[in-house]
Amino acid sequence: MGLAKARWAMFLLAICVVTLLAYGAWSFQMSALDEPGPAVTFLATKAKHFYIGLAARQIRVVPPSSPASIAVGEMAYHGECQNCHGTDGRTPTEIGRSLYPRAPSLVSPQVQRWSDPELFVIIRDGIRHSGMPGFGRAVSENQIWDLVRFVRSLQKSS
């Protein structure tokens, strides 16, 4: 009798699992317009910080900032980044606000908390499953560092 009860319990558990999976598959949406729930947001943010931090630890040399580097970074910013982050870097555009995750203001604490190597990795590699493209194949490492310097300068000028 004990074996029959165990089989019955396993059968009921299997039915519950299949029902939950079917419900999840049926209700799952690929739309970028819908906000994910807090659990998904929390897990995705933790994973993003982990992997960006891991990649940033590989960067050994951080070139110094200079006014020329900031100026070059500003020119690159206006060519590539302003379409989402806004002309001033502080006010994301309608396009940037329609992405998920939303394009942040570059003077926000969430952006300025990243270290310089982490910002470099974000610009170079992008962030998969978001609107942030990677520029590592399109521009040189020096140009990416110029963009990092420009992003840092935005906070100082606010």
Protein backbone atom coordinates (compact mmCIF):
# COMPACT_ATOMS: atom_id res chain seq x y z
CA MET A 1 0.00 0.00 0.00
CA GLY A 2 2.90 2.41 0.77
CA LEU A 3 4.29 2.02 -2.76
CA ALA A 4 0.90 2.77 -4.29
CA LYS A 5 0.58 5.96 -2.24
CA ALA A 6 4.08 7.06 -3.27
CA ARG A 7 3.26 6.46 -6.94
CA TRP A 8 -0.01 8.38 -6.56
CA ALA A 9 1.83 11.30 -4.90
CA MET A 10 4.46 11.31 -7.70
CA PHE A 11 1.67 11.25 -10.30
CA LEU A 12 -0.05 14.24 -8.65
CA LEU A 13 3.26 16.10 -8.39
CA ALA A 14 3.96 15.44 -12.09
CA ILE A 15 0.48 16.73 -13.01
CA CYS A 16 1.11 19.91 -10.97
CA VAL A 17 4.50 20.48 -12.61
CA VAL A 18 3.12 19.94 -16.11
CA THR A 19 0.19 22.26 -15.36
CA LEU A 20 2.52 25.01 -14.10
CA LEU A 21 4.82 24.64 -17.10
CA ALA A 22 1.88 24.76 -19.50
CA TYR A 23 0.50 27.85 -17.77
CA GLY A 24 3.92 29.53 -17.89
CA ALA A 25 4.36 28.72 -21.57
CA TRP A 26 0.85 29.92 -22.38
CA SER A 27 1.18 33.21 -20.48
CA PHE A 28 4.82 33.96 -21.47
CA GLN A 29 5.26 37.00 -23.68
CA MET A 30 8.32 38.15 -25.61
CA SER A 31 7.14 41.76 -25.69
CA ALA A 32 9.71 44.33 -24.59
CA LEU A 33 6.85 46.68 -23.70
CA ASP A 34 5.75 44.72 -20.63
CA GLU A 35 7.68 45.22 -17.41
CA PRO A 36 9.04 42.02 -15.92
CA GLY A 37 8.19 41.19 -12.33
CA PRO A 38 10.39 42.00 -9.35
CA ALA A 39 11.92 38.51 -9.16
CA VAL A 40 13.04 38.56 -12.80
CA THR A 41 14.36 42.12 -12.44
CA PHE A 42 16.29 41.21 -9.28
CA LEU A 43 17.86 38.10 -10.81
CA ALA A 44 18.72 39.83 -14.11
CA THR A 45 20.32 42.77 -12.27
CA LYS A 46 22.40 40.45 -10.07
CA ALA A 47 23.54 38.45 -13.11
CA LYS A 48 24.40 41.63 -15.03
CA HIS A 49 26.52 42.98 -12.16
CA PHE A 50 28.26 39.63 -11.70
CA TYR A 51 29.23 39.18 -15.36
CA ILE A 52 30.22 42.80 -15.95
CA GLY A 53 32.35 42.75 -12.80
CA LEU A 54 33.97 39.50 -13.89
CA ALA A 55 34.87 40.93 -17.31
CA ALA A 56 36.08 44.21 -15.79
CA ARG A 57 38.59 42.35 -13.59
CA GLN A 58 40.44 41.39 -16.77
CA ILE A 59 41.25 45.05 -17.50
CA ARG A 60 44.69 45.82 -16.13
CA VAL A 61 45.45 49.30 -17.50
CA VAL A 62 43.11 52.26 -17.20
CA PRO A 63 44.43 55.19 -19.24
CA PRO A 64 44.35 58.61 -17.58
CA SER A 65 41.67 61.14 -18.38
CA SER A 66 42.42 64.37 -20.22
CA PRO A 67 40.36 67.25 -21.62
CA ALA A 68 41.16 65.99 -25.13
CA SER A 69 39.90 62.50 -24.25
CA ILE A 70 36.64 63.94 -22.90
CA ALA A 71 36.16 66.05 -26.05
CA VAL A 72 36.73 63.04 -28.32
CA GLY A 73 34.36 61.01 -26.15
CA GLU A 74 31.71 63.70 -26.47
CA MET A 75 31.95 63.60 -30.26
CA ALA A 76 31.61 59.81 -30.23
CA TYR A 77 28.70 60.08 -27.80
CA HIS A 78 26.79 62.40 -30.12
CA GLY A 79 27.42 60.02 -33.02
CA GLU A 80 26.40 56.78 -31.30
CA CYS A 81 24.76 57.20 -27.90
CA GLN A 82 22.48 60.22 -27.92
CA ASN A 83 19.75 58.37 -29.83
CA CYS A 84 18.87 56.53 -26.60
CA HIS A 85 20.51 58.42 -23.72
CA GLY A 86 19.54 61.89 -25.02
CA THR A 87 21.54 64.81 -26.34
CA ASP A 88 22.64 65.84 -22.85
CA GLY A 89 23.16 62.30 -21.51
CA ARG A 90 20.77 63.14 -18.69
CA THR A 91 17.37 62.83 -20.37
CA PRO A 92 16.81 59.59 -22.30
CA THR A 93 14.89 59.92 -25.54
CA GLU A 94 11.52 58.35 -26.30
CA ILE A 95 13.43 55.47 -27.90
CA GLY A 96 15.57 55.04 -24.77
CA ARG A 97 12.50 55.13 -22.53
CA SER A 98 10.79 52.45 -24.64
CA LEU A 99 13.62 49.92 -24.22
CA TYR A 100 13.74 47.37 -21.47
CA PRO A 101 15.64 47.85 -19.41
CA ARG A 102 15.15 51.58 -19.95
CA ALA A 103 18.16 53.61 -21.11
CA PRO A 104 19.31 55.34 -17.94
CA SER A 105 20.38 58.91 -17.40
CA LEU A 106 24.17 58.76 -17.49
CA VAL A 107 24.43 60.97 -14.39
CA SER A 108 22.20 58.64 -12.37
CA PRO A 109 23.70 56.84 -9.37
CA GLN A 110 23.04 53.48 -11.08
CA VAL A 111 25.43 54.48 -13.90
CA GLN A 112 27.96 56.49 -11.92
CA ARG A 113 28.39 53.64 -9.40
CA TRP A 114 30.02 51.49 -12.07
CA SER A 115 33.84 51.59 -12.00
CA ASP A 116 35.70 52.86 -15.06
CA PRO A 117 36.62 49.30 -16.16
CA GLU A 118 32.96 48.26 -15.74
CA LEU A 119 31.76 51.19 -17.88
CA PHE A 120 34.39 50.21 -20.44
CA VAL A 121 33.05 46.63 -20.53
CA ILE A 122 29.44 47.83 -20.86
CA ILE A 123 30.33 50.09 -23.81
CA ARG A 124 32.66 47.56 -25.44
CA ASP A 125 30.53 44.43 -25.02
CA GLY A 126 27.01 45.82 -24.64
CA ILE A 127 24.38 44.09 -22.53
CA ARG A 128 22.65 41.11 -24.09
CA HIS A 129 18.83 41.10 -24.11
CA SER A 130 18.72 44.87 -23.66
CA GLY A 131 18.95 47.84 -25.97
CA MET A 132 22.62 48.45 -25.11
CA PRO A 133 24.74 47.45 -28.12
CA GLY A 134 28.40 46.56 -27.90
CA PHE A 135 30.78 48.90 -29.74
CA GLY A 136 33.90 46.74 -29.41
CA ARG A 137 33.92 45.73 -33.06
CA ALA A 138 33.12 49.20 -34.38
CA VAL A 139 35.48 51.48 -32.44
CA SER A 140 38.92 51.22 -30.88
CA GLU A 141 39.61 50.63 -27.20
CA ASN A 142 40.95 54.19 -26.97
CA GLN A 143 37.65 55.53 -28.31
CA ILE A 144 35.76 53.46 -25.75
CA TRP A 145 37.93 54.92 -22.96
CA ASP A 146 37.14 58.39 -24.37
CA LEU A 147 33.43 57.57 -24.00
CA VAL A 148 34.01 56.42 -20.41
CA ARG A 149 35.75 59.75 -19.70
CA PHE A 150 32.87 61.68 -21.25
CA VAL A 151 30.30 59.77 -19.16
CA ARG A 152 32.31 60.62 -16.03
CA SER A 153 32.49 64.29 -17.02
CA LEU A 154 28.68 64.52 -17.17
CA GLN A 155 28.41 64.02 -13.43
CA LYS A 156 31.00 66.71 -12.74
CA SER A 157 29.18 69.24 -14.93
CA SER A 158 25.73 68.67 -13.41
